[in-house]
Amino acid sequence: MFGVWETATGRVVRFSDGVAAVMGFHPSRPLPALVEPNGDRTRLGLWDFSAQP
């Protein structure tokens, strides 16, 4: 499981109940890179939080 919380409020912003590995973060933007299974393949996902309310 993997979750992202807003530190000011403690609110869960995004959650994944699958298996994911955080590969890195953008140094000045809310953009983590995740590697996660996708069927019999693996995908790189970018979670962009800049547009979150």
PDB file of N, CA and C in Angstrom:
ATOM      1  N   MET A   1       0.848  -1.180   0.000  1.00  0.00           N
ATOM      2  CA  MET A   1       0.000   0.000   0.000  1.00  0.00           C
ATOM      3  C   MET A   1       0.884   1.231   0.000  1.00  0.00           C
ATOM      4  N   PHE A   2       0.350   2.283  -0.575  1.00  0.00           N
ATOM      5  CA  PHE A   2       1.095   3.525  -0.663  1.00  0.00           C
ATOM      6  C   PHE A   2       0.116   4.679  -0.539  1.00  0.00           C
ATOM      7  N   GLY A   3       0.427   5.641   0.286  1.00  0.00           N
ATOM      8  CA  GLY A   3      -0.454   6.786   0.447  1.00  0.00           C
ATOM      9  C   GLY A   3       0.330   8.080   0.509  1.00  0.00           C
ATOM     10  N   VAL A   4      -0.340   9.155   0.141  1.00  0.00           N
ATOM     11  CA  VAL A   4       0.237  10.492   0.216  1.00  0.00           C
ATOM     12  C   VAL A   4      -0.716  11.352   1.024  1.00  0.00           C
ATOM     13  N   TRP A   5      -0.187  12.013   2.045  1.00  0.00           N
ATOM     14  CA  TRP A   5      -0.986  12.872   2.904  1.00  0.00           C
ATOM     15  C   TRP A   5      -0.547  14.316   2.767  1.00  0.00           C
ATOM     16  N   GLU A   6      -1.489  15.231   2.922  1.00  0.00           N
ATOM     17  CA  GLU A   6      -1.186  16.653   3.001  1.00  0.00           C
ATOM     18  C   GLU A   6      -0.738  16.912   4.438  1.00  0.00           C
ATOM     19  N   THR A   7       0.471  17.378   4.609  1.00  0.00           N
ATOM     20  CA  THR A   7       1.022  17.499   5.960  1.00  0.00           C
ATOM     21  C   THR A   7       0.336  18.581   6.792  1.00  0.00           C
ATOM     22  N   ALA A   8      -0.170  19.620   6.173  1.00  0.00           N
ATOM     23  CA  ALA A   8      -0.816  20.704   6.928  1.00  0.00           C
ATOM     24  C   ALA A   8      -2.129  20.257   7.572  1.00  0.00           C
ATOM     25  N   THR A   9      -2.885  19.386   6.867  1.00  0.00           N
ATOM     26  CA  THR A   9      -4.206  18.984   7.353  1.00  0.00           C
ATOM     27  C   THR A   9      -4.283  17.521   7.774  1.00  0.00           C
ATOM     28  N   GLY A  10      -3.349  16.696   7.323  1.00  0.00           N
ATOM     29  CA  GLY A  10      -3.410  15.265   7.590  1.00  0.00           C
ATOM     30  C   GLY A  10      -4.362  14.530   6.667  1.00  0.00           C
ATOM     31  N   ARG A  11      -4.910  15.220   5.679  1.00  0.00           N
ATOM     32  CA  ARG A  11      -5.859  14.642   4.728  1.00  0.00           C
ATOM     33  C   ARG A  11      -5.137  13.744   3.729  1.00  0.00           C
ATOM     34  N   VAL A  12      -5.723  12.563   3.443  1.00  0.00           N
ATOM     35  CA  VAL A  12      -5.168  11.670   2.424  1.00  0.00           C
ATOM     36  C   VAL A  12      -5.470  12.272   1.061  1.00  0.00           C
ATOM     37  N   VAL A  13      -4.424  12.499   0.268  1.00  0.00           N
ATOM     38  CA  VAL A  13      -4.578  13.101  -1.052  1.00  0.00           C
ATOM     39  C   VAL A  13      -4.679  12.031  -2.129  1.00  0.00           C
ATOM     40  N   ARG A  14      -3.915  10.971  -1.990  1.00  0.00           N
ATOM     41  CA  ARG A  14      -3.917   9.892  -2.977  1.00  0.00           C
ATOM     42  C   ARG A  14      -3.537   8.600  -2.276  1.00  0.00           C
ATOM     43  N   PHE A  15      -4.143   7.499  -2.703  1.00  0.00           N
ATOM     44  CA  PHE A  15      -3.889   6.221  -2.069  1.00  0.00           C
ATOM     45  C   PHE A  15      -3.905   5.122  -3.120  1.00  0.00           C
ATOM     46  N   SER A  16      -2.996   4.169  -2.979  1.00  0.00           N
ATOM     47  CA  SER A  16      -2.973   3.006  -3.852  1.00  0.00           C
ATOM     48  C   SER A  16      -2.932   1.778  -2.960  1.00  0.00           C
ATOM     49  N   ASP A  17      -3.841   0.839  -3.185  1.00  0.00           N
ATOM     50  CA  ASP A  17      -3.834  -0.375  -2.371  1.00  0.00           C
ATOM     51  C   ASP A  17      -2.986  -1.471  -3.000  1.00  0.00           C
ATOM     52  N   GLY A  18      -2.333  -1.171  -4.110  1.00  0.00           N
ATOM     53  CA  GLY A  18      -1.452  -2.132  -4.758  1.00  0.00           C
ATOM     54  C   GLY A  18      -0.029  -1.994  -4.250  1.00  0.00           C
ATOM     55  N   VAL A  19       0.856  -2.689  -4.898  1.00  0.00           N
ATOM     56  CA  VAL A  19       2.275  -2.636  -4.552  1.00  0.00           C
ATOM     57  C   VAL A  19       2.917  -1.558  -5.410  1.00  0.00           C
ATOM     58  N   ALA A  20       3.659  -0.664  -4.781  1.00  0.00           N
ATOM     59  CA  ALA A  20       4.334   0.399  -5.516  1.00  0.00           C
ATOM     60  C   ALA A  20       5.651   0.714  -4.829  1.00  0.00           C
ATOM     61  N   ALA A  21       6.612   1.120  -5.610  1.00  0.00           N
ATOM     62  CA  ALA A  21       7.900   1.544  -5.078  1.00  0.00           C
ATOM     63  C   ALA A  21       8.138   2.976  -5.516  1.00  0.00           C
ATOM     64  N   VAL A  22       8.437   3.842  -4.579  1.00  0.00           N
ATOM     65  CA  VAL A  22       8.728   5.243  -4.911  1.00  0.00           C
ATOM     66  C   VAL A  22      10.149   5.310  -5.454  1.00  0.00           C
ATOM     67  N   MET A  23      10.285   5.833  -6.649  1.00  0.00           N
ATOM     68  CA  MET A  23      11.595   5.904  -7.283  1.00  0.00           C
ATOM     69  C   MET A  23      12.245   7.273  -7.106  1.00  0.00           C
ATOM     70  N   GLY A  24      11.442   8.307  -6.913  1.00  0.00           N
ATOM     71  CA  GLY A  24      12.027   9.631  -6.749  1.00  0.00           C
ATOM     72  C   GLY A  24      10.972  10.706  -6.699  1.00  0.00           C
ATOM     73  N   PHE A  25      11.407  11.892  -6.322  1.00  0.00           N
ATOM     74  CA  PHE A  25      10.539  13.055  -6.252  1.00  0.00           C
ATOM     75  C   PHE A  25      11.168  14.194  -7.036  1.00  0.00           C
ATOM     76  N   HIS A  26      10.332  15.036  -7.632  1.00  0.00           N
ATOM     77  CA  HIS A  26      10.809  16.245  -8.278  1.00  0.00           C
ATOM     78  C   HIS A  26      11.238  17.207  -7.175  1.00  0.00           C
ATOM     79  N   PRO A  27      12.377  17.870  -7.291  1.00  0.00           N
ATOM     80  CA  PRO A  27      12.872  18.700  -6.191  1.00  0.00           C
ATOM     81  C   PRO A  27      12.031  19.935  -5.871  1.00  0.00           C
ATOM     82  N   SER A  28      11.250  20.434  -6.829  1.00  0.00           N
ATOM     83  CA  SER A  28      10.490  21.655  -6.558  1.00  0.00           C
ATOM     84  C   SER A  28       9.006  21.558  -6.914  1.00  0.00           C
ATOM     85  N   ARG A  29       8.518  20.357  -7.250  1.00  0.00           N
ATOM     86  CA  ARG A  29       7.109  20.174  -7.578  1.00  0.00           C
ATOM     87  C   ARG A  29       6.587  18.931  -6.877  1.00  0.00           C
ATOM     88  N   PRO A  30       5.278  18.873  -6.614  1.00  0.00           N
ATOM     89  CA  PRO A  30       4.693  17.682  -5.983  1.00  0.00           C
ATOM     90  C   PRO A  30       4.476  16.569  -7.010  1.00  0.00           C
ATOM     91  N   LEU A  31       5.563  15.892  -7.418  1.00  0.00           N
ATOM     92  CA  LEU A  31       5.499  14.930  -8.509  1.00  0.00           C
ATOM     93  C   LEU A  31       6.349  13.694  -8.199  1.00  0.00           C
ATOM     94  N   PRO A  32       5.812  12.732  -7.409  1.00  0.00           N
ATOM     95  CA  PRO A  32       6.581  11.508  -7.168  1.00  0.00           C
ATOM     96  C   PRO A  32       6.495  10.552  -8.361  1.00  0.00           C
ATOM     97  N   ALA A  33       7.572   9.819  -8.579  1.00  0.00           N
ATOM     98  CA  ALA A  33       7.620   8.785  -9.611  1.00  0.00           C
ATOM     99  C   ALA A  33       7.513   7.433  -8.924  1.00  0.00           C
ATOM    100  N   LEU A  34       6.589   6.598  -9.395  1.00  0.00           N
ATOM    101  CA  LEU A  34       6.339   5.287  -8.795  1.00  0.00           C
ATOM    102  C   LEU A  34       6.496   4.196  -9.839  1.00  0.00           C
ATOM    103  N   VAL A  35       7.025   3.065  -9.411  1.00  0.00           N
ATOM    104  CA  VAL A  35       7.060   1.870 -10.256  1.00  0.00           C
ATOM    105  C   VAL A  35       6.055   0.903  -9.658  1.00  0.00           C
ATOM    106  N   GLU A  36       5.115   0.428 -10.493  1.00  0.00           N
ATOM    107  CA  GLU A  36       4.063  -0.450  -9.995  1.00  0.00           C
ATOM    108  C   GLU A  36       3.719  -1.517 -11.024  1.00  0.00           C
ATOM    109  N   PRO A  37       3.254  -2.684 -10.555  1.00  0.00           N
ATOM    110  CA  PRO A  37       2.862  -3.740 -11.486  1.00  0.00           C
ATOM    111  C   PRO A  37       1.620  -3.333 -12.286  1.00  0.00           C
ATOM    112  N   ASN A  38       1.571  -3.789 -13.528  1.00  0.00           N
ATOM    113  CA  ASN A  38       0.441  -3.521 -14.414  1.00  0.00           C
ATOM    114  C   ASN A  38       0.184  -4.804 -15.198  1.00  0.00           C
ATOM    115  N   GLY A  39      -0.561  -5.730 -14.573  1.00  0.00           N
ATOM    116  CA  GLY A  39      -0.765  -7.038 -15.193  1.00  0.00           C
ATOM    117  C   GLY A  39       0.537  -7.816 -15.162  1.00  0.00           C
ATOM    118  N   ASP A  40       0.985  -8.296 -16.323  1.00  0.00           N
ATOM    119  CA  ASP A  40       2.255  -9.018 -16.389  1.00  0.00           C
ATOM    120  C   ASP A  40       3.416  -8.101 -16.757  1.00  0.00           C
ATOM    121  N   ARG A  41       3.188  -6.797 -16.688  1.00  0.00           N
ATOM    122  CA  ARG A  41       4.210  -5.798 -17.003  1.00  0.00           C
ATOM    123  C   ARG A  41       4.422  -4.882 -15.805  1.00  0.00           C
ATOM    124  N   THR A  42       5.353  -3.959 -15.944  1.00  0.00           N
ATOM    125  CA  THR A  42       5.626  -2.954 -14.923  1.00  0.00           C
ATOM    126  C   THR A  42       5.492  -1.586 -15.569  1.00  0.00           C
ATOM    127  N   ARG A  43       4.926  -0.639 -14.835  1.00  0.00           N
ATOM    128  CA  ARG A  43       4.787   0.702 -15.403  1.00  0.00           C
ATOM    129  C   ARG A  43       5.386   1.737 -14.463  1.00  0.00           C
ATOM    130  N   LEU A  44       5.781   2.843 -15.047  1.00  0.00           N
ATOM    131  CA  LEU A  44       6.258   4.003 -14.304  1.00  0.00           C
ATOM    132  C   LEU A  44       5.109   4.986 -14.259  1.00  0.00           C
ATOM    133  N   GLY A  45       4.690   5.356 -13.068  1.00  0.00           N
ATOM    134  CA  GLY A  45       3.599   6.303 -12.920  1.00  0.00           C
ATOM    135  C   GLY A  45       4.089   7.595 -12.312  1.00  0.00           C
ATOM    136  N   LEU A  46       3.587   8.713 -12.794  1.00  0.00           N
ATOM    137  CA  LEU A  46       3.891  10.024 -12.234  1.00  0.00           C
ATOM    138  C   LEU A  46       2.612  10.570 -11.618  1.00  0.00           C
ATOM    139  N   TRP A  47       2.622  10.779 -10.313  1.00  0.00           N
ATOM    140  CA  TRP A  47       1.452  11.318  -9.626  1.00  0.00           C
ATOM    141  C   TRP A  47       1.646  12.815  -9.497  1.00  0.00           C
ATOM    142  N   ASP A  48       0.911  13.595 -10.263  1.00  0.00           N
ATOM    143  CA  ASP A  48       1.037  15.050 -10.260  1.00  0.00           C
ATOM    144  C   ASP A  48      -0.005  15.645  -9.324  1.00  0.00           C
ATOM    145  N   PHE A  49       0.444  16.229  -8.240  1.00  0.00           N
ATOM    146  CA  PHE A  49      -0.458  16.809  -7.245  1.00  0.00           C
ATOM    147  C   PHE A  49      -0.612  18.320  -7.381  1.00  0.00           C
ATOM    148  N   SER A  50      -0.009  18.923  -8.391  1.00  0.00           N
ATOM    149  CA  SER A  50      -0.053  20.377  -8.520  1.00  0.00           C
ATOM    150  C   SER A  50      -1.465  20.908  -8.757  1.00  0.00           C
ATOM    151  N   ALA A  51      -2.360  20.088  -9.313  1.00  0.00           N
ATOM    152  CA  ALA A  51      -3.737  20.530  -9.591  1.00  0.00           C
ATOM    153  C   ALA A  51      -4.710  20.108  -8.493  1.00  0.00           C
ATOM    154  N   GLN A  52      -4.232  19.460  -7.425  1.00  0.00           N
ATOM    155  CA  GLN A  52      -5.127  19.009  -6.346  1.00  0.00           C
ATOM    156  C   GLN A  52      -5.667  20.216  -5.595  1.00  0.00           C
ATOM    157  N   PRO A  53      -6.967  20.160  -5.230  1.00  0.00           N
ATOM    158  CA  PRO A  53      -7.539  21.282  -4.456  1.00  0.00           C
ATOM    159  C   PRO A  53      -7.013  21.326  -3.034  1.00  0.00           C
TER     160      PRO A  53
END
